[in-house]
Amino acid sequence: TTHARASFSVHFPWATRAAPAPHRQPLDKFYPLCGEWVHGPQPFSGYKRTFVSFSGNAGDLVSVHYARARVPRKREDFTYTIATDVPIAPSGQLCFDVQMPPPTVPPSQAATAPEYGVFLFEARDPATNATAFHCSDVKLVDVEDRPQDYPAMCARNNETLIPMPEEYL
């Protein structure tokens, strides 16, 4: 028996939606792909280079997609690919730098009229193709978030999995 092992946690930005509830196929079009909101959108650096952080099974492949739509209903609504098939390190941790697509709002207006969007984070077990995913709603802000400023979420070279403080889980 082969068990699916694709599972992972998103540490930064953290997930803002609960997993979608099981439902009948004919009702799929009425439920968003990402599930219901459990937290409001969180600030995320949209104007400067930043990072994303995960933990999961070593060797699983992580992809990151972004949608400017606030209620994406299907995978195809995530039109911006940020990263594709990045392997989780042997330590079980993955942290890498990303550059967002240029926001539609100029930085000078980001504080008063920010751009909102949704991330789709996917982890895939290459052996079984089992996939797990999380979504995160973000508000793009003009700040600089560097991985070295968050050692609990982004260990050097993904060498070790540092225990996460509870407020980040």
N, C-alpha and C. Protein backbone atom coordinates (compact mmCIF):
# COMPACT_ATOMS: atom_id res chain seq x y z
N THR A 1 0.84 -1.18 0.00
CA THR A 1 0.00 0.00 0.00
C THR A 1 0.89 1.24 0.00
N THR A 2 0.60 2.17 -0.88
CA THR A 2 1.34 3.43 -0.95
C THR A 2 0.49 4.52 -0.33
N HIS A 3 1.07 5.24 0.62
CA HIS A 3 0.36 6.32 1.28
C HIS A 3 0.84 7.65 0.73
N ALA A 4 -0.09 8.57 0.54
CA ALA A 4 0.29 9.92 0.12
C ALA A 4 1.03 10.58 1.27
N ARG A 5 2.10 11.24 0.96
CA ARG A 5 2.85 11.89 2.02
C ARG A 5 2.96 13.39 1.83
N ALA A 6 2.41 13.92 0.73
CA ALA A 6 2.51 15.36 0.52
C ALA A 6 1.72 16.08 1.60
N SER A 7 2.42 16.75 2.46
CA SER A 7 1.81 17.60 3.47
C SER A 7 2.86 18.62 3.85
N PHE A 8 2.41 19.79 4.20
CA PHE A 8 3.37 20.80 4.56
C PHE A 8 2.68 21.93 5.29
N SER A 9 3.48 22.78 5.91
CA SER A 9 2.99 23.95 6.61
C SER A 9 3.61 25.18 5.97
N VAL A 10 2.83 26.22 5.88
CA VAL A 10 3.32 27.50 5.38
C VAL A 10 3.61 28.36 6.59
N HIS A 11 4.86 28.85 6.70
CA HIS A 11 5.23 29.68 7.84
C HIS A 11 5.17 31.17 7.53
N PHE A 12 5.51 31.57 6.31
CA PHE A 12 5.48 32.98 5.95
C PHE A 12 5.21 33.13 4.48
N PRO A 13 4.18 33.80 4.05
CA PRO A 13 3.11 34.32 4.90
C PRO A 13 2.21 33.19 5.37
N TRP A 14 1.67 33.28 6.57
CA TRP A 14 0.88 32.18 7.11
C TRP A 14 -0.47 32.09 6.42
N ALA A 15 -1.06 30.91 6.49
CA ALA A 15 -2.34 30.66 5.81
C ALA A 15 -3.46 31.47 6.46
N THR A 16 -4.35 32.00 5.64
CA THR A 16 -5.47 32.80 6.14
C THR A 16 -6.82 32.15 5.85
N ARG A 17 -6.80 30.96 5.28
CA ARG A 17 -8.06 30.29 4.93
C ARG A 17 -8.07 28.87 5.47
N ALA A 18 -9.25 28.42 5.84
CA ALA A 18 -9.43 27.03 6.26
C ALA A 18 -9.57 26.17 5.02
N ALA A 19 -9.26 24.91 5.16
CA ALA A 19 -9.41 23.99 4.03
C ALA A 19 -10.88 23.93 3.63
N PRO A 20 -11.15 23.85 2.33
CA PRO A 20 -12.55 23.77 1.90
C PRO A 20 -13.23 22.52 2.45
N ALA A 21 -14.47 22.68 2.84
CA ALA A 21 -15.23 21.54 3.35
C ALA A 21 -15.59 20.60 2.20
N PRO A 22 -15.67 19.30 2.49
CA PRO A 22 -16.10 18.38 1.42
C PRO A 22 -17.52 18.74 0.99
N HIS A 23 -17.78 18.63 -0.29
CA HIS A 23 -19.10 18.95 -0.80
C HIS A 23 -19.37 18.17 -2.07
N ARG A 24 -20.60 18.24 -2.51
CA ARG A 24 -20.99 17.48 -3.70
C ARG A 24 -20.48 18.17 -4.96
N GLN A 25 -20.12 17.39 -5.95
CA GLN A 25 -19.57 17.89 -7.21
C GLN A 25 -20.42 18.98 -7.86
N PRO A 26 -21.76 18.84 -7.96
CA PRO A 26 -22.54 19.89 -8.63
C PRO A 26 -22.45 21.25 -7.94
N LEU A 27 -22.06 21.26 -6.66
CA LEU A 27 -21.99 22.52 -5.94
C LEU A 27 -20.61 23.16 -6.00
N ASP A 28 -19.64 22.53 -6.67
CA ASP A 28 -18.27 23.04 -6.70
C ASP A 28 -18.18 24.50 -7.12
N LYS A 29 -18.97 24.91 -8.10
CA LYS A 29 -18.85 26.27 -8.61
C LYS A 29 -19.27 27.31 -7.58
N PHE A 30 -19.95 26.91 -6.51
CA PHE A 30 -20.37 27.85 -5.49
C PHE A 30 -19.37 27.98 -4.34
N TYR A 31 -18.35 27.16 -4.33
CA TYR A 31 -17.36 27.18 -3.26
C TYR A 31 -16.01 27.63 -3.82
N PRO A 32 -15.37 28.60 -3.17
CA PRO A 32 -14.05 28.99 -3.65
C PRO A 32 -13.03 27.88 -3.41
N LEU A 33 -12.05 27.79 -4.27
CA LEU A 33 -11.00 26.78 -4.16
C LEU A 33 -10.31 26.82 -2.80
N CYS A 34 -10.06 28.00 -2.30
CA CYS A 34 -9.24 28.16 -1.11
C CYS A 34 -9.98 28.00 0.21
N GLY A 35 -11.27 27.82 0.21
CA GLY A 35 -12.00 27.67 1.46
C GLY A 35 -12.40 29.01 2.05
N GLU A 36 -12.91 28.95 3.26
CA GLU A 36 -13.42 30.15 3.93
C GLU A 36 -12.31 30.91 4.64
N TRP A 37 -12.47 32.23 4.74
CA TRP A 37 -11.51 33.06 5.44
C TRP A 37 -11.53 32.75 6.93
N VAL A 38 -10.36 32.67 7.53
CA VAL A 38 -10.25 32.53 8.98
C VAL A 38 -9.47 33.69 9.58
N HIS A 39 -8.74 34.43 8.75
CA HIS A 39 -8.00 35.63 9.17
C HIS A 39 -8.10 36.65 8.04
N GLY A 40 -7.97 37.93 8.38
CA GLY A 40 -7.93 38.96 7.35
C GLY A 40 -6.62 38.90 6.59
N PRO A 41 -6.57 39.58 5.45
CA PRO A 41 -5.32 39.60 4.68
C PRO A 41 -4.18 40.15 5.52
N GLN A 42 -3.01 39.58 5.35
CA GLN A 42 -1.85 40.04 6.11
C GLN A 42 -0.94 40.87 5.22
N PRO A 43 -0.23 41.82 5.80
CA PRO A 43 0.71 42.62 5.01
C PRO A 43 1.82 41.73 4.45
N PHE A 44 2.20 41.97 3.21
CA PHE A 44 3.26 41.20 2.55
C PHE A 44 4.00 42.14 1.61
N SER A 45 5.31 42.04 1.60
CA SER A 45 6.14 42.92 0.79
C SER A 45 5.88 42.69 -0.70
N GLY A 46 5.25 43.66 -1.34
CA GLY A 46 4.94 43.51 -2.75
C GLY A 46 5.82 44.34 -3.66
N TYR A 47 6.61 45.22 -3.07
CA TYR A 47 7.39 46.15 -3.88
C TYR A 47 8.88 45.85 -3.85
N LYS A 48 9.31 45.08 -2.88
CA LYS A 48 10.72 44.73 -2.75
C LYS A 48 10.85 43.21 -2.67
N ARG A 49 12.03 42.71 -2.93
CA ARG A 49 12.28 41.27 -2.85
C ARG A 49 11.99 40.80 -1.42
N THR A 50 11.37 39.64 -1.28
CA THR A 50 11.01 39.11 0.03
C THR A 50 11.22 37.61 0.02
N PHE A 51 10.56 36.87 0.90
CA PHE A 51 10.77 35.43 0.97
C PHE A 51 9.48 34.72 1.34
N VAL A 52 9.48 33.41 1.12
CA VAL A 52 8.41 32.53 1.59
C VAL A 52 9.07 31.39 2.36
N SER A 53 8.35 30.81 3.32
CA SER A 53 8.94 29.79 4.19
C SER A 53 7.93 28.67 4.43
N PHE A 54 8.44 27.43 4.37
CA PHE A 54 7.60 26.24 4.52
C PHE A 54 8.34 25.19 5.34
N SER A 55 7.61 24.21 5.82
CA SER A 55 8.22 22.97 6.31
C SER A 55 7.34 21.83 5.81
N GLY A 56 7.96 20.67 5.63
CA GLY A 56 7.22 19.52 5.12
C GLY A 56 8.13 18.33 4.93
N ASN A 57 7.75 17.44 4.06
CA ASN A 57 8.51 16.22 3.81
C ASN A 57 9.66 16.50 2.84
N ALA A 58 10.86 16.08 3.24
CA ALA A 58 12.04 16.28 2.39
C ALA A 58 11.79 15.70 1.00
N GLY A 59 12.15 16.48 -0.01
CA GLY A 59 12.00 16.02 -1.39
C GLY A 59 10.69 16.39 -2.04
N ASP A 60 9.65 16.71 -1.26
CA ASP A 60 8.41 17.16 -1.87
C ASP A 60 8.68 18.47 -2.62
N LEU A 61 7.94 18.70 -3.68
CA LEU A 61 8.16 19.85 -4.54
C LEU A 61 7.11 20.92 -4.28
N VAL A 62 7.58 22.13 -4.01
CA VAL A 62 6.69 23.24 -3.67
C VAL A 62 6.57 24.20 -4.85
N SER A 63 5.34 24.59 -5.15
CA SER A 63 5.07 25.61 -6.17
C SER A 63 4.26 26.73 -5.52
N VAL A 64 4.50 27.95 -5.98
CA VAL A 64 3.82 29.13 -5.43
C VAL A 64 3.18 29.89 -6.59
N HIS A 65 1.89 30.18 -6.45
CA HIS A 65 1.15 30.92 -7.47
C HIS A 65 0.42 32.08 -6.80
N TYR A 66 0.09 33.10 -7.57
CA TYR A 66 -0.54 34.30 -7.03
C TYR A 66 -1.68 34.73 -7.93
N ALA A 67 -2.75 35.24 -7.31
CA ALA A 67 -3.90 35.77 -8.04
C ALA A 67 -4.22 37.16 -7.51
N ARG A 68 -4.53 38.06 -8.42
CA ARG A 68 -4.97 39.39 -7.99
C ARG A 68 -6.45 39.38 -7.63
N ALA A 69 -7.17 38.36 -8.02
CA ALA A 69 -8.59 38.22 -7.67
C ALA A 69 -8.70 37.84 -6.20
N ARG A 70 -9.64 38.43 -5.48
CA ARG A 70 -9.79 38.13 -4.05
C ARG A 70 -10.51 36.81 -3.80
N VAL A 71 -11.28 36.32 -4.77
CA VAL A 71 -12.02 35.07 -4.57
C VAL A 71 -11.73 34.15 -5.75
N PRO A 72 -10.52 33.57 -5.79
CA PRO A 72 -10.24 32.63 -6.88
C PRO A 72 -11.08 31.37 -6.71
N ARG A 73 -11.69 30.93 -7.78
CA ARG A 73 -12.58 29.77 -7.72
C ARG A 73 -11.93 28.49 -8.22
N LYS A 74 -10.85 28.62 -8.98
CA LYS A 74 -10.19 27.43 -9.52
C LYS A 74 -8.70 27.70 -9.66
N ARG A 75 -7.94 26.65 -9.82
CA ARG A 75 -6.48 26.72 -9.93
C ARG A 75 -6.04 27.69 -11.02
N GLU A 76 -6.76 27.73 -12.13
CA GLU A 76 -6.40 28.58 -13.27
C GLU A 76 -6.53 30.07 -12.96
N ASP A 77 -7.22 30.43 -11.88
CA ASP A 77 -7.35 31.84 -11.51
C ASP A 77 -6.04 32.41 -10.96
N PHE A 78 -5.11 31.54 -10.59
CA PHE A 78 -3.80 31.98 -10.08
C PHE A 78 -2.87 32.15 -11.28
N THR A 79 -2.90 33.34 -11.88
CA THR A 79 -2.25 33.56 -13.17
C THR A 79 -0.77 33.89 -13.08
N TYR A 80 -0.25 34.17 -11.89
CA TYR A 80 1.16 34.51 -11.73
C TYR A 80 1.89 33.36 -11.05
N THR A 81 2.90 32.83 -11.71
CA THR A 81 3.72 31.77 -11.11
C THR A 81 4.93 32.42 -10.46
N ILE A 82 5.08 32.21 -9.17
CA ILE A 82 6.20 32.77 -8.41
C ILE A 82 7.34 31.77 -8.35
N ALA A 83 7.03 30.49 -8.17
CA ALA A 83 8.05 29.42 -8.10
C ALA A 83 7.39 28.11 -8.52
N THR A 84 8.20 27.22 -9.12
CA THR A 84 7.68 25.93 -9.58
C THR A 84 8.61 24.81 -9.14
N ASP A 85 8.05 23.80 -8.48
CA ASP A 85 8.75 22.56 -8.13
C ASP A 85 10.10 22.78 -7.44
N VAL A 86 10.09 23.59 -6.38
CA VAL A 86 11.29 23.80 -5.56
C VAL A 86 11.29 22.71 -4.49
N PRO A 87 12.35 21.88 -4.40
CA PRO A 87 12.34 20.76 -3.44
C PRO A 87 12.54 21.21 -1.99
N ILE A 88 11.80 20.58 -1.10
CA ILE A 88 12.01 20.81 0.33
C ILE A 88 13.32 20.15 0.72
N ALA A 89 14.14 20.86 1.48
CA ALA A 89 15.48 20.40 1.86
C ALA A 89 15.40 19.16 2.74
N PRO A 90 16.52 18.40 2.85
CA PRO A 90 16.54 17.22 3.72
C PRO A 90 16.16 17.53 5.17
N SER A 91 16.36 18.77 5.60
CA SER A 91 15.99 19.17 6.96
C SER A 91 14.48 19.24 7.14
N GLY A 92 13.73 19.26 6.04
CA GLY A 92 12.28 19.43 6.12
C GLY A 92 11.87 20.88 6.03
N GLN A 93 12.82 21.77 5.83
CA GLN A 93 12.52 23.19 5.75
C GLN A 93 12.81 23.71 4.35
N LEU A 94 12.05 24.69 3.93
CA LEU A 94 12.28 25.36 2.65
C LEU A 94 12.00 26.84 2.82
N CYS A 95 12.97 27.65 2.49
CA CYS A 95 12.83 29.09 2.53
C CYS A 95 13.57 29.63 1.32
N PHE A 96 12.92 30.47 0.54
CA PHE A 96 13.61 31.05 -0.61
C PHE A 96 13.08 32.45 -0.90
N ASP A 97 13.93 33.24 -1.56
CA ASP A 97 13.57 34.60 -1.94
C ASP A 97 12.60 34.59 -3.10
N VAL A 98 11.70 35.57 -3.12
CA VAL A 98 10.76 35.72 -4.22
C VAL A 98 10.64 37.20 -4.58
N GLN A 99 10.25 37.43 -5.80
CA GLN A 99 9.91 38.77 -6.27
C GLN A 99 8.49 38.72 -6.79
N MET A 100 7.64 39.56 -6.24
CA MET A 100 6.24 39.60 -6.65
C MET A 100 6.11 40.26 -8.02
N PRO A 101 5.03 39.95 -8.76
CA PRO A 101 4.77 40.71 -9.98
C PRO A 101 4.56 42.18 -9.59
N PRO A 102 4.92 43.12 -10.44
CA PRO A 102 4.75 44.53 -10.07
C PRO A 102 3.30 44.83 -9.68
N PRO A 103 3.09 45.41 -8.49
CA PRO A 103 1.73 45.75 -8.07
C PRO A 103 1.11 46.79 -9.00
N THR A 104 -0.21 46.80 -9.06
CA THR A 104 -0.92 47.77 -9.90
C THR A 104 -1.04 49.12 -9.21
N VAL A 105 -0.80 49.16 -7.91
CA VAL A 105 -0.88 50.40 -7.13
C VAL A 105 0.53 50.94 -6.93
N PRO A 106 0.78 52.23 -7.21
CA PRO A 106 2.12 52.78 -6.96
C PRO A 106 2.46 52.74 -5.47
N PRO A 107 3.76 52.60 -5.12
CA PRO A 107 4.15 52.52 -3.71
C PRO A 107 3.64 53.70 -2.88
N SER A 108 3.55 54.87 -3.47
CA SER A 108 3.10 56.05 -2.72
C SER A 108 1.64 55.93 -2.28
N GLN A 109 0.86 55.07 -2.92
CA GLN A 109 -0.55 54.90 -2.58
C GLN A 109 -0.82 53.59 -1.83
N ALA A 110 0.22 52.81 -1.59
CA ALA A 110 0.03 51.48 -0.98
C ALA A 110 -0.57 51.56 0.42
N ALA A 111 -0.30 52.64 1.15
CA ALA A 111 -0.83 52.74 2.51
C ALA A 111 -2.32 53.07 2.53
N THR A 112 -2.80 53.80 1.52
CA THR A 112 -4.20 54.23 1.53
C THR A 112 -5.10 53.41 0.61
N ALA A 113 -4.54 52.84 -0.45
CA ALA A 113 -5.34 52.04 -1.40
C ALA A 113 -4.52 50.83 -1.84
N PRO A 114 -4.26 49.89 -0.93
CA PRO A 114 -3.36 48.78 -1.25
C PRO A 114 -3.97 47.79 -2.24
N GLU A 115 -3.07 47.03 -2.88
CA GLU A 115 -3.50 45.92 -3.72
C GLU A 115 -3.63 44.68 -2.83
N TYR A 116 -4.68 43.91 -3.06
CA TYR A 116 -4.90 42.66 -2.35
C TYR A 116 -4.78 41.51 -3.33
N GLY A 117 -4.40 40.34 -2.81
CA GLY A 117 -4.31 39.16 -3.65
C GLY A 117 -4.31 37.90 -2.81
N VAL A 118 -4.17 36.76 -3.47
CA VAL A 118 -4.19 35.47 -2.79
C VAL A 118 -3.05 34.60 -3.32
N PHE A 119 -2.30 33.99 -2.41
CA PHE A 119 -1.28 33.02 -2.77
C PHE A 119 -1.89 31.62 -2.75
N LEU A 120 -1.42 30.77 -3.65
CA LEU A 120 -1.71 29.34 -3.62
C LEU A 120 -0.36 28.65 -3.45
N PHE A 121 -0.18 27.96 -2.33
CA PHE A 121 1.04 27.21 -2.05
C PHE A 121 0.73 25.73 -2.20
N GLU A 122 1.44 25.05 -3.07
CA GLU A 122 1.20 23.62 -3.32
C GLU A 122 2.46 22.83 -3.00
N ALA A 123 2.29 21.67 -2.38
CA ALA A 123 3.39 20.72 -2.18
C ALA A 123 2.97 19.41 -2.85
N ARG A 124 3.88 18.85 -3.64
CA ARG A 124 3.58 17.61 -4.37
C ARG A 124 4.65 16.58 -4.06
N ASP A 125 4.20 15.37 -3.72
CA ASP A 125 5.10 14.24 -3.53
C ASP A 125 5.43 13.72 -4.92
N PRO A 126 6.70 13.80 -5.37
CA PRO A 126 7.02 13.38 -6.73
C PRO A 126 6.83 11.88 -6.97
N ALA A 127 6.84 11.08 -5.92
CA ALA A 127 6.68 9.63 -6.10
C ALA A 127 5.22 9.24 -6.34
N THR A 128 4.29 9.91 -5.67
CA THR A 128 2.87 9.54 -5.77
C THR A 128 2.02 10.59 -6.48
N ASN A 129 2.57 11.77 -6.67
CA ASN A 129 1.85 12.93 -7.21
C ASN A 129 0.75 13.42 -6.28
N ALA A 130 0.72 12.95 -5.02
CA ALA A 130 -0.23 13.47 -4.04
C ALA A 130 0.10 14.94 -3.80
N THR A 131 -0.94 15.76 -3.72
CA THR A 131 -0.75 17.20 -3.58
C THR A 131 -1.51 17.72 -2.37
N ALA A 132 -0.88 18.64 -1.64
CA ALA A 132 -1.53 19.37 -0.56
C ALA A 132 -1.40 20.85 -0.88
N PHE A 133 -2.36 21.66 -0.43
CA PHE A 133 -2.23 23.09 -0.70
C PHE A 133 -2.79 23.93 0.43
N HIS A 134 -2.31 25.17 0.49
CA HIS A 134 -2.78 26.19 1.42
C HIS A 134 -2.94 27.48 0.63
N CYS A 135 -3.82 28.35 1.11
CA CYS A 135 -3.98 29.67 0.50
C CYS A 135 -3.73 30.73 1.56
N SER A 136 -3.28 31.88 1.10
CA SER A 136 -3.03 32.99 2.00
C SER A 136 -3.41 34.30 1.32
N ASP A 137 -4.28 35.06 1.99
CA ASP A 137 -4.67 36.37 1.48
C ASP A 137 -3.65 37.39 1.95
N VAL A 138 -3.23 38.27 1.04
CA VAL A 138 -2.22 39.27 1.40
C VAL A 138 -2.64 40.65 0.94
N LYS A 139 -2.12 41.64 1.66
CA LYS A 139 -2.23 43.04 1.29
C LYS A 139 -0.81 43.48 0.98
N LEU A 140 -0.54 43.89 -0.26
CA LEU A 140 0.82 44.25 -0.65
C LEU A 140 1.19 45.60 -0.06
N VAL A 141 2.32 45.62 0.65
CA VAL A 141 2.81 46.84 1.29
C VAL A 141 4.24 47.11 0.84
N ASP A 142 4.67 48.35 1.03
CA ASP A 142 6.01 48.77 0.63
C ASP A 142 6.95 48.67 1.83
N VAL A 143 7.28 47.45 2.21
CA VAL A 143 8.24 47.19 3.29
C VAL A 143 9.25 46.17 2.79
N GLU A 144 10.32 46.03 3.53
CA GLU A 144 11.33 45.03 3.17
C GLU A 144 11.36 43.95 4.23
N ASP A 145 11.00 42.73 3.85
CA ASP A 145 11.09 41.57 4.73
C ASP A 145 12.17 40.66 4.17
N ARG A 146 13.25 40.52 4.95
CA ARG A 146 14.38 39.69 4.50
C ARG A 146 14.43 38.43 5.34
N PRO A 147 14.82 37.31 4.74
CA PRO A 147 14.84 36.05 5.50
C PRO A 147 15.75 36.09 6.72
N GLN A 148 16.86 36.81 6.65
CA GLN A 148 17.78 36.84 7.79
C GLN A 148 17.18 37.56 8.99
N ASP A 149 16.11 38.32 8.79
CA ASP A 149 15.43 38.98 9.90
C ASP A 149 14.45 38.06 10.63
N TYR A 150 14.23 36.86 10.09
CA TYR A 150 13.27 35.91 10.65
C TYR A 150 13.93 34.53 10.79
N PRO A 151 14.90 34.38 11.68
CA PRO A 151 15.62 33.10 11.74
C PRO A 151 14.74 31.91 12.13
N ALA A 152 13.63 32.13 12.83
CA ALA A 152 12.76 31.01 13.19
C ALA A 152 12.00 30.48 11.98
N MET A 153 11.87 31.30 10.94
CA MET A 153 11.14 30.89 9.75
C MET A 153 12.05 30.58 8.58
N CYS A 154 13.31 30.99 8.67
CA CYS A 154 14.19 30.87 7.51
C CYS A 154 15.62 30.58 7.95
N ALA A 155 15.89 29.35 8.31
CA ALA A 155 17.24 28.97 8.75
C ALA A 155 18.22 29.07 7.58
N ARG A 156 19.45 29.35 7.90
CA ARG A 156 20.50 29.50 6.89
C ARG A 156 20.60 28.25 6.04
N ASN A 157 20.50 28.40 4.73
CA ASN A 157 20.62 27.31 3.76
C ASN A 157 19.65 26.16 4.04
N ASN A 158 18.55 26.43 4.72
CA ASN A 158 17.56 25.40 5.03
C ASN A 158 18.18 24.22 5.76
N GLU A 159 19.22 24.49 6.58
CA GLU A 159 19.97 23.40 7.21
C GLU A 159 19.25 22.74 8.36
N THR A 160 18.41 23.45 9.05
CA THR A 160 17.78 22.88 10.22
C THR A 160 16.36 23.40 10.34
N LEU A 161 15.52 22.63 10.93
CA LEU A 161 14.16 23.08 11.18
C LEU A 161 14.12 23.64 12.59
N ILE A 162 14.04 24.94 12.69
CA ILE A 162 13.99 25.61 13.99
C ILE A 162 12.55 25.57 14.48
N PRO A 163 12.31 25.17 15.73
CA PRO A 163 10.92 25.12 16.21
C PRO A 163 10.26 26.49 16.07
N MET A 164 9.03 26.49 15.62
CA MET A 164 8.30 27.73 15.41
C MET A 164 7.64 28.18 16.71
N PRO A 165 7.74 29.48 17.05
CA PRO A 165 6.97 29.97 18.20
C PRO A 165 5.49 29.80 17.91
N GLU A 166 4.69 29.55 18.93
CA GLU A 166 3.28 29.25 18.73
C GLU A 166 2.53 30.37 18.01
N GLU A 167 2.94 31.63 18.20
CA GLU A 167 2.20 32.71 17.56
C GLU A 167 2.33 32.69 16.04
N TYR A 168 3.30 31.93 15.49
CA TYR A 168 3.46 31.83 14.05
C TYR A 168 2.76 30.60 13.48
N LEU A 169 2.25 29.72 14.32
CA LEU A 169 1.60 28.50 13.82
C LEU A 169 0.12 28.70 13.62
